[in-house]
N, C-alpha and C. Protein backbone atom coordinates (compact mmCIF):
# COMPACT_ATOMS: atom_id res chain seq x y z
N UNK A 1 13.88 -61.28 39.53
CA UNK A 1 14.68 -62.29 39.30
C UNK A 1 15.90 -62.56 40.20
N UNK A 2 16.47 -63.39 40.74
CA UNK A 2 17.42 -63.08 41.54
C UNK A 2 18.88 -63.36 41.30
N UNK A 3 20.00 -62.45 42.33
CA UNK A 3 21.50 -62.56 41.50
C UNK A 3 22.00 -63.36 42.04
N UNK A 4 22.44 -64.64 41.20
CA UNK A 4 22.83 -65.83 41.73
C UNK A 4 24.41 -66.21 42.36
N UNK A 5 24.90 -64.75 41.48
CA UNK A 5 26.95 -64.61 41.16
C UNK A 5 26.69 -63.45 42.20
N UNK A 6 28.12 -63.22 42.38
CA UNK A 6 28.72 -61.61 42.07
C UNK A 6 29.70 -61.65 41.71
N UNK A 7 30.19 -60.28 41.34
CA UNK A 7 30.82 -59.90 40.31
C UNK A 7 31.59 -58.96 41.27
N UNK A 8 33.36 -58.81 41.19
CA UNK A 8 34.42 -57.90 41.84
C UNK A 8 35.22 -57.76 41.48
N UNK A 9 35.97 -56.66 41.82
CA UNK A 9 37.17 -56.04 40.93
C UNK A 9 38.24 -56.48 41.59
N UNK A 10 39.40 -56.64 40.82
CA UNK A 10 40.09 -57.09 41.56
C UNK A 10 41.29 -55.52 40.48
N UNK A 11 42.63 -55.69 42.09
CA UNK A 11 43.61 -54.12 41.57
C UNK A 11 44.13 -54.03 40.25
N UNK A 12 44.33 -55.24 39.54
CA UNK A 12 44.80 -55.36 38.62
C UNK A 12 43.93 -55.74 37.44
N UNK A 13 42.36 -55.31 37.31
CA UNK A 13 41.51 -55.42 36.81
C UNK A 13 40.83 -56.55 36.26
N UNK A 14 41.27 -57.58 37.37
CA UNK A 14 40.48 -58.99 36.99
C UNK A 14 39.33 -59.19 37.64
N UNK A 15 37.35 -59.63 36.95
CA UNK A 15 37.07 -60.23 36.76
C UNK A 15 36.78 -61.05 37.48
N UNK A 16 36.45 -60.97 39.27
CA UNK A 16 36.54 -61.96 40.07
C UNK A 16 34.36 -62.55 40.38
N UNK A 17 34.45 -64.03 39.80
CA UNK A 17 33.24 -64.04 40.07
C UNK A 17 33.56 -65.40 40.88
N UNK A 18 32.03 -65.21 41.83
CA UNK A 18 31.75 -66.21 42.64
C UNK A 18 30.70 -66.53 43.42
N UNK A 19 29.43 -67.61 44.02
CA UNK A 19 28.30 -67.54 43.55
C UNK A 19 28.29 -68.85 42.59
N UNK A 20 27.02 -68.69 41.98
CA UNK A 20 26.69 -69.47 40.62
C UNK A 20 25.87 -68.32 39.52
N UNK A 21 26.04 -69.75 38.18
CA UNK A 21 25.75 -68.77 37.63
C UNK A 21 24.86 -69.37 36.34
N UNK A 22 23.46 -69.54 36.51
CA UNK A 22 22.40 -70.02 35.42
C UNK A 22 21.53 -69.73 34.59
N UNK A 23 20.90 -70.43 34.33
CA UNK A 23 19.60 -69.83 33.27
C UNK A 23 19.10 -68.28 33.20
N UNK A 24 18.45 -67.95 34.82
CA UNK A 24 17.84 -67.40 35.18
C UNK A 24 18.61 -66.16 35.39
N UNK A 25 20.41 -66.14 35.27
CA UNK A 25 21.21 -64.99 35.35
C UNK A 25 21.87 -64.19 34.46
N UNK A 26 21.86 -65.34 33.12
CA UNK A 26 22.51 -65.21 32.12
C UNK A 26 22.63 -63.83 31.83
N UNK A 27 21.39 -63.59 31.23
CA UNK A 27 20.96 -62.43 30.39
C UNK A 27 21.94 -61.03 31.85
N UNK A 28 21.28 -60.90 32.94
CA UNK A 28 22.06 -59.89 33.60
C UNK A 28 23.66 -59.69 33.38
N UNK A 29 23.79 -60.93 33.65
CA UNK A 29 25.50 -61.64 33.42
C UNK A 29 26.22 -60.95 31.95
N UNK A 30 25.00 -60.92 31.34
CA UNK A 30 26.06 -60.57 30.05
C UNK A 30 25.78 -59.16 29.63
N UNK A 31 24.65 -58.26 30.14
CA UNK A 31 24.48 -57.39 29.76
C UNK A 31 25.19 -56.37 30.92
N UNK A 32 25.95 -56.91 32.50
CA UNK A 32 27.23 -56.35 33.18
C UNK A 32 28.20 -56.53 32.57
N UNK A 33 28.64 -57.81 31.72
CA UNK A 33 29.81 -57.70 31.02
C UNK A 33 29.69 -56.90 30.25
N UNK A 34 28.70 -56.46 28.93
CA UNK A 34 28.77 -55.75 28.12
C UNK A 34 29.60 -54.24 28.55
N UNK A 35 28.64 -53.81 29.98
CA UNK A 35 28.59 -52.75 30.06
C UNK A 35 30.17 -52.25 30.69
N UNK A 36 30.60 -53.45 31.40
CA UNK A 36 31.79 -53.34 32.08
C UNK A 36 32.61 -53.14 30.55
N UNK A 37 32.99 -54.06 29.10
CA UNK A 37 33.49 -53.86 28.53
C UNK A 37 33.70 -52.58 28.10
N UNK A 38 32.43 -51.53 28.06
CA UNK A 38 32.17 -50.26 27.18
C UNK A 38 32.45 -49.55 28.19
N UNK A 39 32.49 -49.26 29.46
CA UNK A 39 32.64 -48.70 30.16
C UNK A 39 33.99 -48.15 30.40
N UNK A 40 35.03 -49.55 30.89
CA UNK A 40 36.27 -49.31 30.89
C UNK A 40 37.18 -49.58 29.36
N UNK A 41 36.11 -49.34 28.18
CA UNK A 41 36.86 -49.61 26.76
C UNK A 41 38.31 -50.36 26.77
N UNK A 42 37.96 -51.77 27.15
CA UNK A 42 38.90 -52.89 27.07
C UNK A 42 38.38 -53.81 26.35
N UNK A 43 39.62 -54.14 25.24
CA UNK A 43 38.88 -55.49 24.40
C UNK A 43 38.78 -56.89 25.25
N UNK A 44 39.53 -56.59 26.17
CA UNK A 44 39.49 -58.58 26.58
C UNK A 44 39.26 -57.80 28.40
N UNK A 45 39.40 -59.03 29.09
CA UNK A 45 39.36 -59.04 30.97
C UNK A 45 39.38 -59.95 31.32
N UNK A 46 40.65 -60.59 32.41
CA UNK A 46 40.70 -62.11 32.93
C UNK A 46 39.86 -61.85 33.58
N UNK A 47 38.84 -62.97 33.31
CA UNK A 47 37.32 -63.50 34.53
C UNK A 47 38.65 -64.99 35.14
N UNK A 48 38.67 -64.50 36.71
CA UNK A 48 38.87 -65.59 37.59
C UNK A 48 37.43 -65.92 38.49
N UNK A 49 37.57 -67.31 37.47
CA UNK A 49 36.66 -68.18 38.54
C UNK A 49 36.61 -69.05 39.66
N UNK A 50 37.75 -68.56 40.60
CA UNK A 50 38.68 -70.19 41.39
C UNK A 50 37.12 -70.04 42.64
N UNK A 51 36.43 -68.76 42.51
CA UNK A 51 35.04 -68.65 43.61
C UNK A 51 33.60 -69.02 43.37
N UNK A 52 33.96 -69.36 41.57
CA UNK A 52 32.50 -69.64 41.70
C UNK A 52 32.38 -71.15 41.64
N UNK A 53 30.48 -71.31 42.50
CA UNK A 53 30.98 -72.05 43.12
C UNK A 53 29.55 -73.57 42.43
N UNK A 54 29.32 -72.93 40.68
CA UNK A 54 29.01 -73.35 40.25
C UNK A 54 27.89 -72.98 38.53
N UNK A 55 27.56 -73.47 37.72
CA UNK A 55 26.90 -73.40 36.48
C UNK A 55 26.33 -74.26 36.18
N UNK A 56 24.75 -73.83 35.42
CA UNK A 56 24.84 -74.82 34.85
C UNK A 56 24.87 -74.49 33.27
N UNK A 57 24.33 -75.74 32.26
CA UNK A 57 24.65 -75.23 30.96
C UNK A 57 24.50 -73.40 30.40
N UNK A 58 23.64 -73.19 30.71
CA UNK A 58 23.82 -72.15 30.04
C UNK A 58 24.57 -71.15 30.86
N UNK A 59 24.72 -71.15 31.96
CA UNK A 59 26.08 -70.41 32.75
C UNK A 59 27.47 -70.90 31.77
N UNK A 60 27.53 -71.62 31.94
CA UNK A 60 29.22 -72.43 30.79
C UNK A 60 28.99 -71.61 29.12
N UNK A 61 27.59 -71.54 28.95
CA UNK A 61 27.64 -71.51 27.45
C UNK A 61 27.90 -69.82 27.36
N UNK A 62 27.30 -68.72 28.29
CA UNK A 62 27.53 -67.50 28.85
C UNK A 62 29.05 -66.72 28.39
N UNK A 63 29.94 -67.67 29.47
CA UNK A 63 31.33 -67.82 29.65
C UNK A 63 31.81 -68.30 28.71
N UNK A 64 32.01 -69.23 28.10
CA UNK A 64 32.26 -69.94 26.70
C UNK A 64 32.44 -68.61 25.74
N UNK A 65 31.01 -68.24 25.45
CA UNK A 65 30.78 -67.57 24.68
C UNK A 65 32.03 -65.90 25.09
N UNK A 66 32.21 -65.48 26.21
CA UNK A 66 33.14 -64.60 26.14
C UNK A 66 34.16 -64.76 25.95
N UNK A 67 34.66 -66.21 26.27
CA UNK A 67 35.80 -66.38 26.00
C UNK A 67 36.33 -67.04 24.73
N UNK A 68 35.14 -67.15 23.78
CA UNK A 68 35.40 -68.10 22.55
C UNK A 68 35.69 -66.52 21.14
N UNK A 69 34.88 -65.54 22.16
CA UNK A 69 34.67 -63.92 20.96
C UNK A 69 36.40 -62.97 21.38
N UNK A 70 36.89 -63.55 22.71
CA UNK A 70 38.00 -62.76 22.26
C UNK A 70 38.01 -61.82 23.94
N UNK A 71 36.73 -61.68 24.81
CA UNK A 71 36.38 -61.27 25.58
C UNK A 71 36.60 -61.17 26.89
N UNK A 72 36.77 -62.23 26.62
CA UNK A 72 37.52 -62.93 28.58
C UNK A 72 38.76 -63.98 28.28
N UNK A 73 39.53 -64.11 29.04
CA UNK A 73 40.29 -64.86 29.47
C UNK A 73 39.96 -65.64 30.82
N UNK A 74 39.36 -67.08 30.60
CA UNK A 74 38.91 -67.71 32.00
C UNK A 74 40.31 -68.30 32.61
N UNK A 75 40.62 -67.77 33.89
CA UNK A 75 41.21 -68.26 34.74
C UNK A 75 40.93 -69.25 36.16
N UNK A 76 41.86 -70.10 36.98
CA UNK A 76 40.79 -70.47 37.94
C UNK A 76 39.51 -71.90 37.85
N UNK A 77 39.19 -71.92 37.03
CA UNK A 77 38.22 -73.23 36.87
C UNK A 77 38.39 -74.13 38.01
N UNK A 78 37.39 -74.36 38.51
CA UNK A 78 36.80 -75.48 39.59
C UNK A 78 36.89 -76.67 38.47
N UNK A 79 36.87 -77.67 39.35
CA UNK A 79 36.45 -78.93 38.86
C UNK A 79 34.86 -79.20 38.25
N UNK A 80 34.28 -78.84 39.46
CA UNK A 80 32.56 -78.86 39.20
C UNK A 80 33.00 -78.12 37.76
N UNK A 81 32.72 -77.04 37.84
CA UNK A 81 32.89 -76.07 36.51
C UNK A 81 33.49 -76.61 35.22
N UNK A 82 34.58 -77.16 35.49
CA UNK A 82 34.73 -77.65 33.95
C UNK A 82 34.46 -78.74 33.72
N UNK A 83 33.62 -79.74 34.70
CA UNK A 83 32.67 -80.38 34.12
C UNK A 83 31.93 -80.28 33.38
N UNK A 84 31.12 -79.13 33.48
CA UNK A 84 30.26 -78.62 33.33
C UNK A 84 30.44 -78.16 31.59
N UNK A 85 31.75 -77.44 31.50
CA UNK A 85 32.08 -76.80 30.38
C UNK A 85 32.67 -78.05 29.42
N UNK A 86 32.86 -79.25 29.72
CA UNK A 86 33.14 -80.47 29.32
C UNK A 86 31.86 -81.13 28.37
N UNK A 87 30.88 -80.97 28.86
CA UNK A 87 29.70 -81.06 28.30
C UNK A 87 28.79 -80.55 27.57
N UNK A 88 29.61 -79.43 27.09
CA UNK A 88 28.69 -78.32 26.38
C UNK A 88 29.13 -78.05 25.24
N UNK A 89 28.05 -77.95 24.19
CA UNK A 89 28.45 -77.94 22.87
C UNK A 89 28.68 -76.46 22.59
N UNK A 90 30.34 -76.64 22.30
CA UNK A 90 31.01 -74.90 21.99
C UNK A 90 29.98 -74.17 20.38
N UNK A 91 29.68 -75.37 19.46
CA UNK A 91 29.54 -74.88 18.22
C UNK A 91 28.21 -74.19 18.78
N UNK A 92 27.35 -74.09 19.36
CA UNK A 92 25.84 -73.30 19.88
C UNK A 92 26.38 -72.19 19.84
N UNK A 93 27.53 -71.64 20.48
CA UNK A 93 27.66 -70.14 20.51
C UNK A 93 27.17 -69.19 19.54
N UNK A 94 27.19 -69.75 18.12
CA UNK A 94 27.76 -69.56 16.69
C UNK A 94 26.57 -69.25 16.36
N UNK A 95 25.49 -70.56 16.71
CA UNK A 95 24.16 -70.75 16.34
C UNK A 95 23.02 -69.68 16.65
N UNK A 96 22.20 -69.54 15.81
CA UNK A 96 20.94 -68.39 16.62
C UNK A 96 20.13 -69.25 17.58
N UNK A 97 19.45 -68.59 18.90
CA UNK A 97 18.94 -69.47 20.07
C UNK A 97 17.39 -69.83 19.27
N UNK A 98 16.90 -71.09 19.32
CA UNK A 98 15.79 -71.50 19.00
C UNK A 98 14.50 -70.57 18.95
């Protein structure tokens, strides 16, 4: 499974995402984020999406899940990423997968 995104850390602790997050990368992305939360022992992080080139609905739901649970404050969302966010049904975050 190719990692279609890159994750880097800013000096202020912000997590910067670049590349793309789509269905094949979501499990690895969420696992990586959980590891960061656990190791850093912080309740939430700012996630900068300025350099994120794109997401599919699964990637948008993963980011929305982090935001909805209070683990992430999303900033710098590009117009392309915002359009996908507008299409997803955030109610599915609270439903078990099929």
